Protein backbone atom coordinates (compact mmCIF):
# COMPACT_ATOMS: atom_id res chain seq x y z
CA MET A 1 0.00 0.00 0.00
CA LYS A 2 1.09 3.49 -0.63
CA LYS A 3 2.09 5.50 2.30
CA LYS A 4 -0.43 8.17 3.24
CA ILE A 5 0.94 11.66 2.73
CA ASP A 6 -0.16 14.28 5.15
CA LEU A 7 -0.79 17.65 3.45
CA PRO A 8 -0.01 20.89 5.23
CA ASP A 9 -2.85 23.05 6.37
CA VAL A 10 -3.77 25.89 3.90
CA THR A 11 -6.13 28.81 4.04
CA PRO A 12 -9.06 28.27 1.64
CA VAL A 13 -9.67 30.89 -1.11
CA HIS A 14 -13.23 32.13 -1.59
CA LEU A 15 -14.33 34.14 -4.69
CA PRO A 16 -16.29 37.21 -3.71
CA SER A 17 -20.02 36.99 -4.19
CA VAL A 18 -22.24 39.69 -5.67
CA GLY A 19 -25.27 39.53 -3.52
CA PRO A 20 -26.90 36.21 -4.00
CA VAL A 21 -25.20 35.65 -7.38
CA ARG A 22 -22.62 32.95 -7.35
CA PRO A 23 -19.22 33.75 -8.93
CA GLY A 24 -19.58 31.33 -11.82
CA ILE A 25 -22.76 32.99 -12.91
CA TYR A 26 -21.44 36.56 -13.15
CA VAL A 27 -18.24 35.41 -14.86
CA LEU A 28 -20.33 33.62 -17.47
CA ALA A 29 -22.55 36.67 -17.78
CA GLY A 30 -19.54 38.91 -18.34
CA ILE A 31 -18.12 36.68 -21.05
CA THR A 32 -21.52 36.49 -22.72
CA LEU A 33 -21.85 40.29 -22.62
CA VAL A 34 -18.46 40.74 -24.25
CA ILE A 35 -19.42 38.30 -26.98
CA LEU A 36 -22.72 40.09 -27.56
CA VAL A 37 -20.97 43.47 -27.78
CA ILE A 38 -18.52 42.07 -30.31
CA VAL A 39 -21.37 40.57 -32.34
CA PHE A 40 -23.22 43.88 -32.22
CA LEU A 41 -20.17 45.91 -33.25
CA ILE A 42 -19.29 43.55 -36.08
CA GLY A 43 -22.66 42.27 -37.22
CA PHE A 44 -25.14 45.08 -36.64
CA LEU A 45 -23.54 48.48 -36.02
CA PRO A 46 -22.18 49.01 -39.60
CA GLY A 47 -25.66 48.33 -40.99
CA ILE A 48 -27.31 50.62 -38.45
CA LEU A 49 -24.92 53.47 -39.16
CA HIS A 50 -24.97 53.05 -42.95
CA GLY A 51 -28.11 51.30 -44.03
CA GLY A 52 -29.14 50.76 -47.61
CA ARG A 53 -28.87 48.44 -50.55
CA THR A 54 -26.80 48.05 -53.70
CA VAL A 55 -29.29 49.09 -56.35
CA THR A 56 -29.03 47.80 -59.93
CA PHE A 57 -30.41 50.32 -62.43
CA LYS A 58 -31.67 48.85 -65.72
CA SER A 59 -33.03 50.45 -68.86
CA GLY A 60 -34.25 49.15 -72.19
CA LEU A 61 -32.31 51.98 -73.84
CA ASP A 62 -28.55 51.93 -74.30
CA ASN A 63 -26.34 54.09 -72.07
CA THR A 64 -29.14 55.87 -70.26
CA GLY A 65 -28.04 58.27 -67.53
CA VAL A 66 -29.35 57.70 -63.99
CA VAL A 67 -29.96 60.62 -61.61
CA VAL A 68 -30.89 59.93 -57.98
CA ASP A 69 -32.19 62.85 -55.93
CA GLY A 70 -30.66 65.31 -58.40
CA THR A 71 -27.20 63.68 -58.43
CA TYR A 72 -25.91 61.87 -61.52
CA ILE A 73 -24.99 58.27 -60.71
CA SER A 74 -23.85 56.66 -63.98
CA GLY A 75 -25.15 55.18 -67.21
CA THR A 76 -27.19 52.01 -67.41
CA PRO A 77 -26.72 49.21 -66.69
CA SER A 78 -25.02 50.08 -63.41
CA GLN A 79 -24.93 49.40 -59.69
CA LYS A 80 -24.72 51.92 -56.88
CA PHE A 81 -25.09 51.71 -53.09
CA ILE A 82 -28.11 53.80 -52.15
CA ASP A 83 -28.87 54.83 -48.56
CA SER A 84 -32.07 53.55 -47.01
CA GLY A 85 -35.11 55.76 -47.38
CA ASP A 86 -37.24 57.25 -50.15
CA HIS A 87 -35.53 58.46 -53.33
CA HIS A 88 -36.47 60.05 -56.66
CA VAL A 89 -34.91 58.39 -59.72
CA GLN A 90 -34.70 59.85 -63.22
CA PHE A 91 -33.56 58.08 -66.38
CA ILE A 92 -32.12 60.61 -68.82
CA LYS A 93 -30.82 60.38 -72.39
CA ALA A 94 -29.73 63.21 -74.66
CA GLY A 95 -30.92 65.66 -72.01
CA VAL A 96 -34.44 64.20 -72.16
CA ILE A 97 -36.02 62.80 -68.98
CA ILE A 98 -37.44 59.62 -70.44
CA ASN A 99 -38.67 58.17 -67.16
CA GLU A 100 -38.85 59.08 -63.47
CA GLN A 101 -40.08 57.19 -60.43
CA ASN A 102 -39.96 57.13 -56.63
CA ILE A 103 -38.28 54.16 -54.95
CA HIS A 104 -37.96 52.99 -51.36
CA VAL A 105 -34.78 51.37 -50.08
CA ASP A 106 -35.24 49.48 -46.78
CA HIS A 107 -32.71 49.21 -43.95
CA PRO A 108 -31.11 45.76 -43.62
CA VAL A 109 -28.64 45.68 -40.71
CA PHE A 110 -27.08 42.22 -40.22
CA LEU A 111 -23.61 41.68 -41.68
CA THR A 112 -24.19 44.24 -44.43
CA TRP A 113 -20.44 44.63 -44.86
CA LEU A 114 -20.10 40.91 -45.59
CA LYS A 115 -23.22 40.14 -47.59
CA PHE A 116 -24.48 42.85 -49.92
CA ARG A 117 -28.22 43.34 -50.21
CA TYR A 118 -29.41 44.04 -53.74
CA GLN A 119 -32.41 45.77 -55.22
CA ASP A 120 -33.39 46.15 -58.89
CA VAL A 121 -34.83 49.33 -60.35
CA SER A 122 -35.92 49.07 -63.99
CA MET A 123 -37.07 51.89 -66.22
CA THR A 124 -40.73 51.57 -67.04
CA THR A 125 -41.89 52.03 -70.63
CA PRO A 126 -41.49 55.74 -71.41
CA SER A 127 -44.11 57.96 -73.00
CA LEU A 128 -42.32 60.59 -75.06
CA THR A 129 -43.36 63.42 -77.33
CA ASP A 130 -42.31 63.50 -80.97
CA GLU A 131 -39.83 66.27 -80.13
CA GLN A 132 -38.23 64.17 -77.40
CA MET A 133 -38.06 61.16 -79.71
CA ASN A 134 -36.33 63.24 -82.39
CA THR A 135 -33.85 64.59 -79.84
CA ILE A 136 -32.82 61.06 -78.91
CA ARG A 137 -32.63 60.03 -82.58
CA ASN A 138 -30.34 62.96 -83.36
CA TYR A 139 -28.21 62.24 -80.31
CA ASP A 140 -27.63 58.62 -81.33
CA VAL A 141 -26.79 59.47 -84.94
CA GLN A 142 -24.50 62.35 -83.87
CA LEU A 143 -22.45 59.86 -81.83
CA ILE A 144 -21.94 57.79 -84.99
CA ILE A 145 -20.95 60.90 -86.96
CA ASP A 146 -18.43 62.00 -84.32
CA GLN A 147 -16.81 58.56 -84.09
CA SER A 148 -16.34 58.42 -87.87
CA ALA A 149 -13.42 60.85 -87.48
CA ILE A 150 -11.37 58.10 -85.76
CA LEU A 151 -9.75 55.82 -88.34
CA ASP A 152 -7.57 53.68 -86.05
CA PHE A 153 -8.99 52.13 -82.89
CA ASP A 154 -6.74 50.89 -80.09
CA ARG A 155 -6.65 50.71 -76.29
CA VAL A 156 -6.67 54.49 -76.14
CA HIS A 157 -9.47 54.93 -78.67
CA ASN A 158 -11.79 51.98 -78.13
CA TYR A 159 -14.48 51.39 -80.70
CA ILE A 160 -17.95 51.92 -79.25
CA PRO A 161 -20.78 50.16 -81.13
CA TYR A 162 -22.98 53.21 -81.60
CA PHE A 163 -24.90 51.62 -84.49
CA MET A 164 -26.10 48.88 -82.14
CA SER A 165 -26.81 51.51 -79.49
CA TYR A 166 -29.09 53.26 -81.96
CA ALA A 167 -30.74 49.96 -82.93
CA LYS A 168 -31.54 49.11 -79.29
CA ASP A 169 -33.02 52.55 -78.70
CA ALA A 170 -35.06 52.28 -81.91
CA VAL A 171 -36.62 49.05 -80.69
CA ALA A 172 -37.09 50.19 -77.07
CA LEU A 173 -38.75 53.47 -78.09
CA SER A 174 -40.58 52.07 -81.13
CA PHE A 175 -39.17 54.46 -83.72
CA THR A 176 -41.21 54.44 -86.92
CA ALA A 177 -39.94 52.51 -89.94
CA ASP A 178 -39.49 55.75 -91.89
CA HIS A 179 -37.47 57.33 -89.09
CA ILE A 180 -35.23 54.26 -88.78
CA ALA A 181 -34.64 54.19 -92.54
CA GLU A 182 -33.74 57.89 -92.57
CA ASP A 183 -31.44 57.63 -89.55
CA MET A 184 -29.60 54.58 -90.86
CA LYS A 185 -29.19 56.22 -94.26
CA ILE A 186 -27.48 59.21 -92.67
CA ALA A 187 -25.41 57.08 -90.30
CA CYS A 188 -24.20 54.70 -93.02
CA SER A 189 -22.93 57.63 -95.12
CA PHE A 190 -20.38 58.19 -92.31
CA ILE A 191 -18.90 54.67 -92.25
CA THR A 192 -15.12 55.11 -92.36
CA THR A 193 -13.68 51.93 -90.81
CA THR A 194 -14.17 48.17 -90.86
CA GLU A 195 -15.37 48.36 -87.24
CA MET A 196 -18.15 50.79 -88.20
CA TYR A 197 -19.15 48.64 -91.16
CA GLN A 198 -19.43 45.52 -88.98
CA ASP A 199 -21.34 47.46 -86.33
CA ALA A 200 -23.79 48.69 -88.96
CA GLN A 201 -24.19 45.12 -90.22
CA ALA A 202 -25.11 43.96 -86.71
CA ALA A 203 -27.59 46.85 -86.37
CA PHE A 204 -29.38 45.95 -89.59
CA ASP A 205 -29.64 42.34 -88.40
CA TYR A 206 -30.97 43.44 -85.00
CA LEU A 207 -33.55 45.70 -86.62
CA GLY A 208 -34.50 43.09 -89.20
CA LEU A 209 -34.00 45.56 -92.06
CA GLU A 210 -32.55 45.29 -95.52
CA PRO A 211 -29.30 47.31 -95.88
CA ASN A 212 -29.53 50.71 -97.59
CA SER A 213 -27.52 52.02 -100.52
CA PHE A 214 -24.83 53.70 -98.41
CA TYR A 215 -24.26 50.49 -96.47
CA GLU A 216 -23.79 48.72 -99.80
CA LYS A 217 -21.28 51.42 -100.81
CA ALA A 218 -19.44 50.84 -97.53
CA ARG A 219 -19.40 47.11 -98.28
CA THR A 220 -17.24 47.77 -101.37
CA LEU A 221 -14.72 49.56 -99.11
CA PHE A 222 -14.79 47.52 -95.90
CA GLY A 223 -16.62 44.27 -96.67
CA GLU A 224 -15.05 40.83 -96.64
CA THR A 225 -14.67 40.82 -100.44
CA ALA A 226 -13.60 44.46 -100.85
CA ASP A 227 -11.07 44.89 -103.65
CA LYS A 228 -9.01 48.00 -102.93
CA SER A 229 -7.03 47.65 -106.14
CA THR A 230 -9.97 48.57 -108.38
CA THR A 231 -10.47 52.10 -109.70
CA LEU A 232 -13.59 54.25 -109.81
CA GLY A 233 -14.43 57.59 -111.37
CA SER A 234 -13.40 59.59 -114.40
CA SER A 235 -10.39 61.78 -115.11
CA LEU A 236 -12.46 64.16 -117.29
CA THR A 237 -12.21 67.63 -115.73
CA GLN A 238 -14.44 69.88 -117.87
CA THR A 239 -17.62 69.39 -119.86
CA GLN A 240 -18.71 73.01 -120.36
CA SER A 241 -16.93 76.36 -120.56
CA PRO A 242 -18.63 78.97 -118.37
CA SER A 243 -18.69 82.67 -119.15
CA LEU A 244 -16.88 85.08 -116.80
CA ALA A 245 -17.66 88.71 -116.00
CA ALA A 246 -16.42 91.21 -113.39
CA ASP A 247 -18.84 91.54 -110.46
CA PRO A 248 -17.58 93.51 -107.43
CA LEU A 249 -19.27 93.40 -104.01
CA GLN A 250 -19.72 96.68 -102.15
CA LEU A 251 -19.47 96.58 -98.35
CA GLY A 252 -20.04 100.21 -97.46
CA ASP A 253 -16.88 102.01 -98.56
CA GLU A 254 -15.01 98.74 -99.04
CA THR A 255 -15.04 97.16 -102.52
CA ILE A 256 -14.40 93.43 -102.84
CA GLU A 257 -13.36 92.56 -106.36
CA GLY A 258 -15.00 89.47 -107.79
CA THR A 259 -15.92 87.53 -110.91
CA LYS A 260 -19.29 86.13 -111.93
CA VAL A 261 -19.31 82.55 -113.25
CA SER A 262 -22.28 81.38 -115.33
CA ALA A 263 -24.29 78.30 -114.41
CA HIS A 264 -22.89 75.11 -115.92
CA SER A 265 -21.96 71.49 -115.21
CA PHE A 266 -18.51 69.96 -114.95
CA MET A 267 -16.84 66.72 -113.94
CA MET A 268 -15.53 67.29 -110.42
CA GLY A 269 -12.85 65.13 -108.82
CA THR A 270 -10.79 62.40 -110.39
CA THR A 271 -10.26 58.64 -110.57
CA VAL A 272 -9.50 56.94 -107.24
CA LYS A 273 -8.79 53.55 -105.76
CA THR A 274 -11.78 51.86 -104.13
CA SER A 275 -10.75 52.70 -100.58
CA TYR A 276 -11.22 55.28 -97.87
CA PRO A 277 -10.12 58.12 -97.66
CA ALA A 278 -9.33 58.01 -101.39
CA MET A 279 -13.09 58.33 -101.95
CA ASN A 280 -12.85 61.98 -100.87
CA THR A 281 -11.85 62.98 -104.40
CA LEU A 282 -14.01 60.55 -106.39
CA SER A 283 -15.28 62.26 -109.54
CA TYR A 284 -18.93 63.02 -110.21
CA GLN A 285 -20.99 65.26 -112.47
CA ALA A 286 -21.50 68.57 -110.64
CA GLU A 287 -24.23 71.06 -111.51
CA ILE A 288 -23.60 74.55 -110.18
CA PRO A 289 -25.75 77.68 -110.48
CA SER A 290 -24.46 81.08 -111.51
CA PHE A 291 -22.35 82.61 -108.72
CA SER A 292 -19.79 85.31 -108.05
CA LEU A 293 -16.59 84.70 -106.13
CA ALA A 294 -14.15 87.15 -104.54
CA THR A 295 -10.78 87.54 -106.23
CA LEU A 296 -8.96 87.21 -102.89
CA PRO A 297 -9.67 85.73 -99.45
CA VAL A 298 -11.22 87.97 -96.79
CA SER A 299 -8.48 90.16 -95.32
CA GLU A 300 -7.66 91.17 -91.75
CA TYR A 301 -8.86 94.70 -92.59
CA GLN A 302 -12.19 93.49 -93.95
CA TYR A 303 -12.68 91.31 -90.88
CA SER A 304 -11.92 94.31 -88.66
CA LEU A 305 -14.80 96.18 -90.35
CA PHE A 306 -17.07 93.26 -89.49
CA VAL A 307 -15.92 93.21 -85.84
CA ALA A 308 -16.34 97.00 -85.54
CA ALA A 309 -19.96 96.60 -86.65
CA ASN A 310 -20.46 93.45 -84.54
CA PRO A 311 -18.53 93.94 -81.26
CA GLN A 312 -19.78 90.61 -79.92
CA TRP A 313 -17.14 89.06 -82.21
CA ASP A 314 -14.31 91.11 -80.73
CA LYS A 315 -11.38 89.23 -79.24
CA ALA A 316 -12.20 90.88 -75.90
CA ASN A 317 -15.45 88.90 -75.90
CA LYS A 318 -13.70 85.59 -76.57
CA GLN A 319 -14.77 83.88 -73.36
CA THR A 320 -18.44 84.50 -74.09
CA LEU A 321 -17.97 83.22 -77.65
CA ILE A 322 -16.34 80.07 -76.27
CA GLU A 323 -19.20 79.53 -73.80
CA ASN A 324 -21.69 79.92 -76.67
CA ASN A 325 -19.77 77.31 -78.70
CA LYS A 326 -18.83 79.78 -81.43
CA VAL A 327 -15.03 79.64 -81.27
CA SER A 328 -12.24 77.87 -79.41
CA GLU A 329 -9.41 79.23 -77.27
CA ASN A 330 -7.13 80.56 -80.06
CA TYR A 331 -9.70 82.89 -81.61
CA LEU A 332 -7.83 85.70 -83.44
CA ALA A 333 -4.56 84.59 -81.84
CA GLY A 334 -1.70 86.64 -83.30
CA ILE A 335 -4.12 88.94 -85.14
CA THR A 336 -4.33 92.68 -84.40
CA LEU A 337 -7.44 94.13 -86.03
CA SER A 338 -7.50 97.75 -87.18
CA THR A 339 -9.96 99.77 -89.20
CA THR A 340 -7.40 102.55 -89.74
CA LEU A 341 -4.43 100.55 -91.00
CA ILE A 342 -5.33 98.54 -94.11
CA ASN A 343 -3.89 95.02 -93.93
CA ASN A 344 -4.69 92.73 -96.86
CA THR A 345 -3.21 89.61 -95.25
CA PRO A 346 -5.88 86.87 -95.19
CA ILE A 347 -7.71 86.58 -91.89
CA ARG A 348 -6.83 83.46 -89.88
CA ASN A 349 -7.69 81.87 -86.55
CA ILE A 350 -11.39 82.39 -87.08
CA SER A 351 -13.97 79.61 -86.90
CA TYR A 352 -16.52 78.43 -89.43
CA GLN A 353 -19.16 79.96 -87.16
CA ALA A 354 -17.36 83.31 -87.37
CA ALA A 355 -17.15 83.06 -91.16
CA ILE A 356 -20.90 82.42 -91.37
CA ALA A 357 -21.53 85.44 -89.13
CA PHE A 358 -19.36 87.51 -91.50
CA THR A 359 -21.40 86.45 -94.53
CA THR A 360 -24.64 87.35 -92.71
CA TRP A 361 -23.29 90.83 -91.97
CA ALA A 362 -22.01 91.19 -95.55
CA SER A 363 -25.45 90.27 -96.90
CA THR A 364 -27.05 93.00 -94.80
CA VAL A 365 -24.51 95.65 -95.77
CA SER A 366 -24.35 94.81 -99.49
CA GLY A 367 -28.00 93.98 -100.07
CA LYS A 368 -26.94 90.75 -101.83
CA HIS A 369 -27.03 87.15 -100.71
CA VAL A 370 -23.45 86.55 -99.53
CA PHE A 371 -22.30 83.06 -98.52
CA LEU A 372 -19.34 80.72 -98.34
CA PRO A 373 -18.79 78.98 -101.70
CA THR A 374 -19.66 75.31 -102.00
CA GLU A 375 -16.88 72.83 -102.63
CA GLU A 376 -18.06 72.58 -106.24
CA MET A 377 -17.92 76.37 -106.73
CA TRP A 378 -14.48 76.59 -105.16
CA GLU A 379 -12.97 73.73 -107.15
CA GLU A 380 -14.38 75.00 -110.45
CA ALA A 381 -13.09 78.52 -109.75
CA ALA A 382 -9.64 77.06 -109.03
CA SER A 383 -9.69 75.32 -112.42
CA LEU A 384 -10.43 78.66 -114.14
CA THR A 385 -7.32 80.40 -112.85
CA SER A 386 -3.74 79.97 -113.98
CA SER A 387 -2.17 81.70 -110.98
CA SER A 388 0.74 79.98 -109.28
CA TYR A 389 0.84 78.37 -105.86
CA ALA A 390 0.90 81.11 -103.18
CA SER A 391 3.89 80.50 -100.92
CA SER A 392 3.24 83.65 -98.87
CA LEU A 393 0.29 85.28 -97.09
CA VAL A 394 1.03 88.41 -99.10
CA ASN A 395 -0.56 88.55 -102.56
CA LEU A 396 2.34 88.49 -105.00
CA ASP A 397 0.24 87.42 -108.00
CA ASN A 398 0.27 90.13 -110.70
CA SER A 399 -1.56 87.99 -113.25
CA SER A 400 -4.97 88.78 -114.70
CA ALA A 401 -6.41 85.55 -113.34
CA PRO A 402 -9.99 86.04 -112.11
CA PHE A 403 -9.21 84.35 -108.78
CA LYS A 404 -5.92 84.56 -106.89
CA MET A 405 -4.28 82.74 -103.97
CA MET A 406 -6.64 79.80 -104.43
CA MET A 407 -3.77 77.37 -104.08
CA GLY A 408 -1.57 78.07 -101.07
CA GLY A 409 -1.85 81.08 -98.82
CA VAL A 410 -4.50 79.69 -96.47
CA TRP A 411 -6.84 76.74 -96.62
CA GLU A 412 -10.27 78.15 -97.46
CA MET A 413 -13.56 77.15 -95.87
CA THR A 414 -16.51 76.06 -97.95
CA SER A 415 -20.15 75.65 -97.02
CA THR A 416 -20.11 71.96 -97.99
CA PRO A 417 -20.42 69.59 -95.02
CA TYR A 418 -17.98 66.68 -94.90
CA ILE A 419 -19.86 63.41 -95.45
CA PRO A 420 -17.33 60.60 -96.05
CA LEU A 421 -19.24 58.42 -98.55
CA VAL A 422 -21.52 60.97 -100.20
CA ARG A 423 -19.51 61.12 -103.43
CA MET A 424 -20.07 57.40 -103.95
CA ASP A 425 -23.77 58.17 -104.41
CA ALA A 426 -23.54 61.59 -106.10
CA GLN A 427 -27.04 61.22 -107.51
CA HIS A 428 -28.43 61.72 -104.01
CA LYS A 429 -25.68 64.04 -102.75
CA ALA A 430 -27.73 67.25 -102.71
CA ALA A 431 -30.72 65.54 -101.09
CA LEU A 432 -28.57 63.97 -98.37
CA GLU A 433 -26.79 67.25 -97.59
CA SER A 434 -30.16 69.01 -97.39
CA LEU A 435 -31.55 66.32 -95.07
CA ILE A 436 -28.54 66.46 -92.77
CA SER A 437 -28.70 70.26 -92.66
CA ALA A 438 -32.41 70.15 -91.79
CA ARG A 439 -31.73 67.70 -88.95
CA GLY A 440 -29.20 70.10 -87.44
CA PHE A 441 -26.26 67.73 -86.99
CA THR A 442 -22.88 69.17 -86.08
CA LEU A 443 -20.56 68.35 -88.99
CA ASP A 444 -17.08 69.24 -90.12
CA HIS A 445 -16.95 71.41 -93.24
CA ILE A 446 -14.65 71.01 -96.21
CA VAL A 447 -11.63 73.26 -96.68
CA LYS A 448 -9.72 73.52 -99.95
CA GLY A 449 -6.50 74.77 -101.51
CA GLY A 450 -3.76 73.99 -99.01
CA SER A 451 -1.64 76.64 -97.32
CA ILE A 452 1.86 78.05 -97.49
CA LEU A 453 2.96 75.11 -95.32
CA ASN A 454 1.83 72.57 -97.92
CA GLU A 455 3.75 74.23 -100.77
CA ASP A 456 2.53 72.63 -104.00
CA ALA A 457 1.82 69.12 -102.63
CA VAL A 458 -1.93 69.85 -102.49
CA THR A 459 -4.09 69.94 -105.61
CA ALA A 460 -7.38 71.76 -106.16
CA LYS A 461 -9.17 68.43 -105.89
CA ASP A 462 -7.86 67.57 -102.42
CA ILE A 463 -9.93 68.34 -99.34
CA GLY A 464 -9.48 68.90 -95.64
CA ALA A 465 -12.11 69.29 -92.94
CA ILE A 466 -12.65 71.63 -90.00
CA SER A 467 -15.20 71.57 -87.19
CA PRO A 468 -17.53 74.58 -86.74
CA ILE A 469 -15.50 76.01 -83.83
CA ASP A 470 -11.93 74.91 -84.65
CA LEU A 471 -9.31 77.50 -85.52
CA ASN A 472 -6.03 77.38 -87.38
CA ASP A 473 -3.18 79.75 -88.23
CA TYR A 474 -3.56 78.75 -91.89
CA ILE A 475 -7.32 78.55 -92.48
CA GLY A 476 -9.36 81.49 -93.82
CA PHE A 477 -12.21 82.02 -96.28
CA ARG A 478 -13.38 84.00 -99.30
CA LEU A 479 -16.84 85.25 -100.13
CA ALA A 480 -19.32 84.16 -102.76
CA TRP A 481 -22.55 85.92 -103.68
CA ASP A 482 -25.51 85.66 -106.02
């Protein structure tokens, strides 16, 4: 047997009691309280302090803007955490409120930081006026027009399928068949890349429509079987000889020398390869009415007379002109206008909008209809002069040519809008230009003739393009009148 060990006497330890509560009970209660506080802080407090749901906004239209309580959120489809409570939601496209509704977001609280709570808000079928419908139609087509200026898409300039965007809107808003046909006709005349062609193809399939003539023209340039080695057009440059007669324009005390050209037809442009942008100079039979054209471009002195009579176009008012989308930052940069010192240097750094304002003023002062020449008028006038390429902004041409400084000097604005594929369907060129003008789209306009920087590398058939508010040190204009 084991020997019994006698233990020494010790003083017993007693845990303090809290009233009648035994120690084990309040220790357990304390641990439980700590656990509950931790659960509350982690599981409930974040939701209590910041309650709401992640709301998914959906719209049948493409890229519709979402505004919640007057604050823009993003385009659809999109998700945004919205605080709990009542909110006012607007779906907006092209500045048109196409739908608005009140929503309620409840207040979930448990583990909201770990498990997101979702709520869907979908745009109900909108009821729009004809004017609102047309605004959205124009907006969608304008996006296609603007993107046509980009010829190479990469990670910086991603291609956006605006044709499909239009097609989705057309279905969602139930555009009429006539409206869809008109919009797609305009849009397809601006196809300038393979990406746009394929996008248009998908849009026609989505809409269940037969392709239009401009799409078929684009197919020859960007389709799978396009043959860019073939040649189109004619090299014939003249079919009729117009008559010429002196016809000056009187602007108060200022006389602008000019020549009247009789109405006639001529073969404009030349032969080109079946590719873009070679199509810009494709030949076609042009019919032009009788017109008069200034011998020289509008000068700094002549523009100063315009500004003196229209002070809203003064350089000092540039910021207001910029805000009204009339000019850009370099308006009249490097130009000092004076009505006392005559300076015949061509005016530069003025916008297309400024040139149009000048022609309006000139019409009022002269009593004649003054305008910017069309591309056809300008190119035909250039073919009627034998003057040399102007390598200076000073007129050094002493010839008797009816029009001077048409090649070189400054690029000259025309009233012809730039529509990439319009010359491939010249039969409908005038009608398309008239339709686009009536719809009010913002387009680039054609400039002709090159500048002193181009030397003689530019021909009278070549074109450039300028937006309505862009400016350039080497772009000016000359006047035409009836």
